[in-house]
């Protein structure tokens, strides 16, 4: 910890990858005792990526994690690069609902922006296997993923094949959902652009929860290849 007032510190991770020893250096800022925001501070090269993210405290149940640690509904999101008919390295993003049975099987309902267009599927079957330290192997639709459990039904996950995707999963609240579930004022952001053509934004909006069609209004700040936009009006249904 280099600055106790700001919570700024540094750390170095030493590891072996492909039989070669390496290190990565990070700067971090403390959010609280269970969470850090981190940024890699090494010069960017073809062998050293530019990384940032979050480190959170793991909550391990008595006896360690098991397949029963994934049981019920979990909302997931992924973003990264994938392969497409036009070639490799195509940006991809998706979100969906993973429903696990606590015994190594699940179903996945998922929407994605793939090959620069929308796609979706429903109730795709898959399997998973959890080790005691929380590392989880996942297989669905011919894709292989690895996840690490933070807590019950809460994970970091990434695709471990030619599709370079990373994301999170969080437990879904119990009960049914209607337009009135989304009511009030919200703040949000979209980051991790996968190529120079991607657009990122942050902002706030208010949802009215109306039925049959809800309305959202607010303002957003946009970062786009054409240049930044500040305080743009936001309207959606």
Protein backbone atom coordinates (compact mmCIF):
# COMPACT_ATOMS: atom_id res chain seq x y z
CA UNK A 1 0.00 0.00 0.00
CA UNK A 2 1.77 3.15 -1.20
CA UNK A 3 -0.84 5.71 -0.09
CA UNK A 4 -3.02 4.96 2.93
CA UNK A 5 -5.11 8.11 2.40
CA UNK A 6 -6.19 7.28 -1.16
CA UNK A 7 -6.01 3.49 -0.92
CA UNK A 8 -3.55 3.31 -3.81
CA UNK A 9 -1.21 0.34 -3.88
CA UNK A 10 0.83 -1.86 -6.21
CA UNK A 11 1.13 -5.60 -6.66
CA UNK A 12 3.08 -8.01 -8.82
CA UNK A 13 1.73 -11.35 -10.03
CA UNK A 14 4.28 -14.05 -10.85
CA UNK A 15 3.04 -17.03 -12.88
CA UNK A 16 3.98 -19.67 -15.43
CA UNK A 17 2.20 -19.66 -18.80
CA UNK A 18 2.99 -22.22 -21.50
CA UNK A 19 6.03 -23.33 -19.53
CA UNK A 20 7.46 -19.79 -19.40
CA UNK A 21 7.77 -17.76 -16.20
CA UNK A 22 6.45 -14.22 -16.34
CA UNK A 23 5.24 -11.35 -14.15
CA UNK A 24 2.58 -8.65 -14.45
CA UNK A 25 2.57 -5.43 -12.45
CA UNK A 26 -0.59 -3.68 -11.31
CA UNK A 27 -1.74 -0.49 -9.61
CA UNK A 28 -4.84 -0.86 -7.44
CA UNK A 29 -7.24 1.31 -5.48
CA UNK A 30 -9.14 -0.02 -2.47
CA UNK A 31 -12.93 0.24 -2.62
CA UNK A 32 -13.34 -1.57 0.69
CA UNK A 33 -11.81 -4.58 2.47
CA UNK A 34 -13.45 -6.93 -0.02
CA UNK A 35 -12.93 -5.13 -3.34
CA UNK A 36 -10.11 -3.54 -5.38
CA UNK A 37 -10.07 -1.82 -8.76
CA UNK A 38 -6.87 -2.76 -10.61
CA UNK A 39 -4.96 -1.60 -13.71
CA UNK A 40 -1.89 -3.16 -15.29
CA UNK A 41 1.05 -0.73 -15.29
CA UNK A 42 3.46 -2.57 -17.62
CA UNK A 43 4.33 -1.06 -21.03
CA UNK A 44 2.00 -2.52 -23.65
CA UNK A 45 3.70 -4.93 -26.06
CA UNK A 46 2.62 -7.87 -28.21
CA UNK A 47 3.44 -10.07 -25.20
CA UNK A 48 2.01 -7.78 -22.49
CA UNK A 49 -1.68 -6.89 -22.77
CA UNK A 50 -3.39 -3.81 -21.35
CA UNK A 51 -5.60 -5.04 -18.52
CA UNK A 52 -7.93 -3.54 -15.96
CA UNK A 53 -10.63 -5.00 -13.77
CA UNK A 54 -11.80 -5.76 -10.27
CA UNK A 55 -10.58 -8.07 -7.50
CA UNK A 56 -13.19 -9.20 -4.98
CA UNK A 57 -13.00 -11.28 -1.84
CA UNK A 58 -14.10 -14.88 -2.29
CA UNK A 59 -16.67 -16.30 0.11
CA UNK A 60 -15.89 -20.03 0.37
CA UNK A 61 -18.52 -22.19 2.07
CA UNK A 62 -17.56 -24.70 4.74
CA UNK A 63 -15.95 -27.68 3.00
CA UNK A 64 -15.30 -25.69 -0.18
CA UNK A 65 -17.30 -25.11 -3.32
CA UNK A 66 -19.10 -27.93 -5.13
CA UNK A 67 -21.63 -28.42 -7.94
CA UNK A 68 -24.30 -27.46 -5.40
CA UNK A 69 -22.76 -23.95 -5.29
CA UNK A 70 -24.44 -23.30 -8.65
CA UNK A 71 -28.12 -23.90 -8.10
CA UNK A 72 -30.90 -21.74 -9.51
CA UNK A 73 -30.98 -18.73 -11.82
CA UNK A 74 -27.91 -16.66 -12.61
CA UNK A 75 -27.77 -13.71 -15.04
CA UNK A 76 -24.58 -13.64 -17.13
CA UNK A 77 -22.97 -11.22 -19.58
CA UNK A 78 -19.98 -11.67 -21.89
CA UNK A 79 -18.03 -9.46 -24.26
CA UNK A 80 -14.93 -9.95 -26.40
CA UNK A 81 -13.81 -11.20 -29.79
CA UNK A 82 -15.09 -14.21 -31.71
CA UNK A 83 -14.85 -15.91 -35.10
CA UNK A 84 -17.35 -15.20 -37.85
CA UNK A 85 -17.80 -16.03 -41.53
CA UNK A 86 -16.06 -12.73 -42.25
CA UNK A 87 -13.00 -13.83 -40.27
CA UNK A 88 -11.63 -13.86 -36.74
CA UNK A 89 -11.41 -11.06 -34.21
CA UNK A 90 -15.02 -9.94 -34.68
CA UNK A 91 -16.53 -8.11 -31.64
CA UNK A 92 -19.17 -10.08 -29.76
CA UNK A 93 -21.38 -9.31 -26.76
CA UNK A 94 -24.15 -11.21 -25.05
CA UNK A 95 -26.31 -11.60 -21.98
CA UNK A 96 -28.62 -14.32 -20.74
CA UNK A 97 -30.00 -16.52 -18.00
CA UNK A 98 -28.20 -19.66 -16.83
CA UNK A 99 -30.32 -22.03 -14.73
CA UNK A 100 -28.26 -24.66 -12.85
CA UNK A 101 -29.66 -27.72 -11.07
CA UNK A 102 -26.96 -28.01 -8.38
CA UNK A 103 -25.82 -31.37 -9.77
CA UNK A 104 -23.74 -30.47 -12.83
CA UNK A 105 -26.36 -29.64 -15.48
CA UNK A 106 -27.89 -26.35 -16.62
CA UNK A 107 -29.91 -24.67 -19.35
CA UNK A 108 -29.00 -21.36 -20.99
CA UNK A 109 -31.26 -18.75 -22.60
CA UNK A 110 -29.07 -16.16 -24.32
CA UNK A 111 -29.11 -13.09 -26.57
CA UNK A 112 -26.01 -11.98 -28.42
CA UNK A 113 -24.69 -9.49 -30.93
CA UNK A 114 -22.65 -11.78 -33.16
CA UNK A 115 -21.25 -11.26 -36.66
CA UNK A 116 -22.49 -7.67 -36.20
CA UNK A 117 -26.14 -8.77 -35.93
CA UNK A 118 -28.61 -10.06 -33.29
CA UNK A 119 -28.97 -13.74 -32.44
CA UNK A 120 -30.64 -15.68 -29.62
CA UNK A 121 -31.34 -19.19 -28.38
CA UNK A 122 -33.48 -20.70 -25.64
CA UNK A 123 -32.92 -23.52 -23.12
CA UNK A 124 -29.62 -24.74 -24.56
CA UNK A 125 -28.43 -27.66 -22.39
CA UNK A 126 -25.00 -27.66 -20.80
CA UNK A 127 -22.88 -29.24 -18.08
CA UNK A 128 -20.55 -27.90 -15.40
CA UNK A 129 -18.10 -29.21 -12.81
CA UNK A 130 -17.01 -27.21 -9.74
CA UNK A 131 -13.81 -27.84 -7.77
CA UNK A 132 -13.41 -26.96 -4.10
CA UNK A 133 -11.49 -23.73 -4.84
CA UNK A 134 -14.31 -22.48 -7.07
CA UNK A 135 -12.77 -23.20 -10.48
CA UNK A 136 -15.55 -24.42 -12.75
CA UNK A 137 -15.46 -26.08 -16.17
CA UNK A 138 -18.50 -25.34 -18.33
CA UNK A 139 -19.54 -26.86 -21.67
CA UNK A 140 -22.49 -25.65 -23.77
CA UNK A 141 -23.22 -25.92 -27.48
CA UNK A 142 -19.69 -26.99 -28.35
CA UNK A 143 -18.13 -24.08 -26.44
CA UNK A 144 -15.85 -24.47 -23.43
CA UNK A 145 -15.82 -21.91 -20.62
CA UNK A 146 -13.98 -21.59 -17.33
CA UNK A 147 -15.50 -19.80 -14.34
CA UNK A 148 -14.35 -18.92 -10.85
CA UNK A 149 -16.93 -18.68 -8.09
CA UNK A 150 -16.91 -15.60 -5.89
CA UNK A 151 -19.91 -16.78 -3.90
CA UNK A 152 -22.93 -19.01 -4.41
CA UNK A 153 -24.30 -18.35 -7.93
CA UNK A 154 -21.78 -15.53 -8.49
CA UNK A 155 -18.91 -16.01 -10.96
CA UNK A 156 -16.24 -14.55 -13.20
CA UNK A 157 -16.18 -16.49 -16.47
CA UNK A 158 -14.36 -16.60 -19.78
CA UNK A 159 -14.47 -18.68 -22.94
CA UNK A 160 -11.38 -20.89 -23.12
CA UNK A 161 -11.31 -21.62 -26.86
CA UNK A 162 -10.71 -19.49 -29.98
CA UNK A 163 -13.53 -17.15 -28.86
CA UNK A 164 -11.91 -14.61 -26.52
CA UNK A 165 -14.85 -13.64 -24.29
CA UNK A 166 -14.96 -12.56 -20.66
CA UNK A 167 -17.80 -11.69 -18.31
CA UNK A 168 -19.62 -12.09 -15.03
CA UNK A 169 -22.58 -13.94 -13.57
CA UNK A 170 -24.78 -12.86 -10.65
CA UNK A 171 -27.71 -14.53 -8.89
CA UNK A 172 -31.11 -13.45 -10.17
CA UNK A 173 -33.66 -12.26 -7.62
CA UNK A 174 -36.47 -14.72 -6.95
CA UNK A 175 -39.94 -14.12 -8.36
CA UNK A 176 -41.47 -13.05 -11.66
CA UNK A 177 -40.70 -9.80 -13.48
CA UNK A 178 -42.90 -7.18 -15.14
CA UNK A 179 -42.36 -3.66 -16.49
CA UNK A 180 -42.92 -2.34 -12.96
CA UNK A 181 -39.74 -4.16 -11.86
CA UNK A 182 -37.78 -1.53 -13.79
CA UNK A 183 -38.93 1.68 -12.12
CA UNK A 184 -36.92 4.57 -10.68
CA UNK A 185 -33.56 6.16 -11.42
CA UNK A 186 -30.57 4.13 -12.59
CA UNK A 187 -26.95 4.80 -13.52
CA UNK A 188 -24.89 2.58 -15.79
CA UNK A 189 -22.05 2.24 -18.25
CA UNK A 190 -20.81 0.14 -21.15
CA UNK A 191 -17.06 -0.36 -21.53
CA UNK A 192 -14.46 -2.79 -22.87
CA UNK A 193 -14.57 -1.77 -26.56
CA UNK A 194 -13.31 -4.65 -28.67
CA UNK A 195 -12.25 -2.65 -31.72
CA UNK A 196 -11.90 0.96 -32.86
CA UNK A 197 -15.45 0.95 -34.22
CA UNK A 198 -17.05 0.27 -30.84
CA UNK A 199 -18.97 2.92 -28.91
CA UNK A 200 -18.82 3.25 -25.12
CA UNK A 201 -21.12 5.25 -22.87
CA UNK A 202 -22.11 6.06 -19.32
CA UNK A 203 -25.15 7.87 -18.02
CA UNK A 204 -28.34 7.85 -16.01
CA UNK A 205 -31.99 7.25 -16.83
CA UNK A 206 -35.38 7.12 -15.16
CA UNK A 207 -37.83 4.29 -15.92
CA UNK A 208 -41.56 4.73 -15.34
CA UNK A 209 -42.50 1.03 -15.07
CA UNK A 210 -45.57 1.58 -17.26
CA UNK A 211 -47.56 -1.25 -18.84
CA UNK A 212 -47.83 -2.42 -21.60
CA UNK A 213 -44.85 -0.31 -22.73
CA UNK A 214 -42.42 1.31 -20.31
CA UNK A 215 -40.53 4.52 -21.01
CA UNK A 216 -36.98 5.56 -20.11
CA UNK A 217 -35.51 9.05 -20.27
CA UNK A 218 -32.14 10.39 -19.22
CA UNK A 219 -28.75 11.61 -20.37
CA UNK A 220 -25.57 9.88 -21.48
CA UNK A 221 -21.93 10.64 -22.25
CA UNK A 222 -20.66 8.83 -25.34
CA UNK A 223 -17.20 7.91 -26.58
CA UNK A 224 -17.28 7.10 -30.31
CA UNK A 225 -14.81 6.96 -33.23
CA UNK A 226 -16.36 10.21 -34.50
CA UNK A 227 -15.58 11.94 -31.19
CA UNK A 228 -17.02 12.38 -27.69
CA UNK A 229 -20.58 13.52 -26.93
CA UNK A 230 -21.43 14.91 -23.51
CA UNK A 231 -24.89 15.00 -21.90
CA UNK A 232 -26.82 13.61 -24.87
CA UNK A 233 -30.55 13.18 -24.30
CA UNK A 234 -31.58 9.54 -23.93
CA UNK A 235 -35.06 8.16 -24.69
CA UNK A 236 -36.12 4.55 -25.02
CA UNK A 237 -39.08 2.19 -24.53
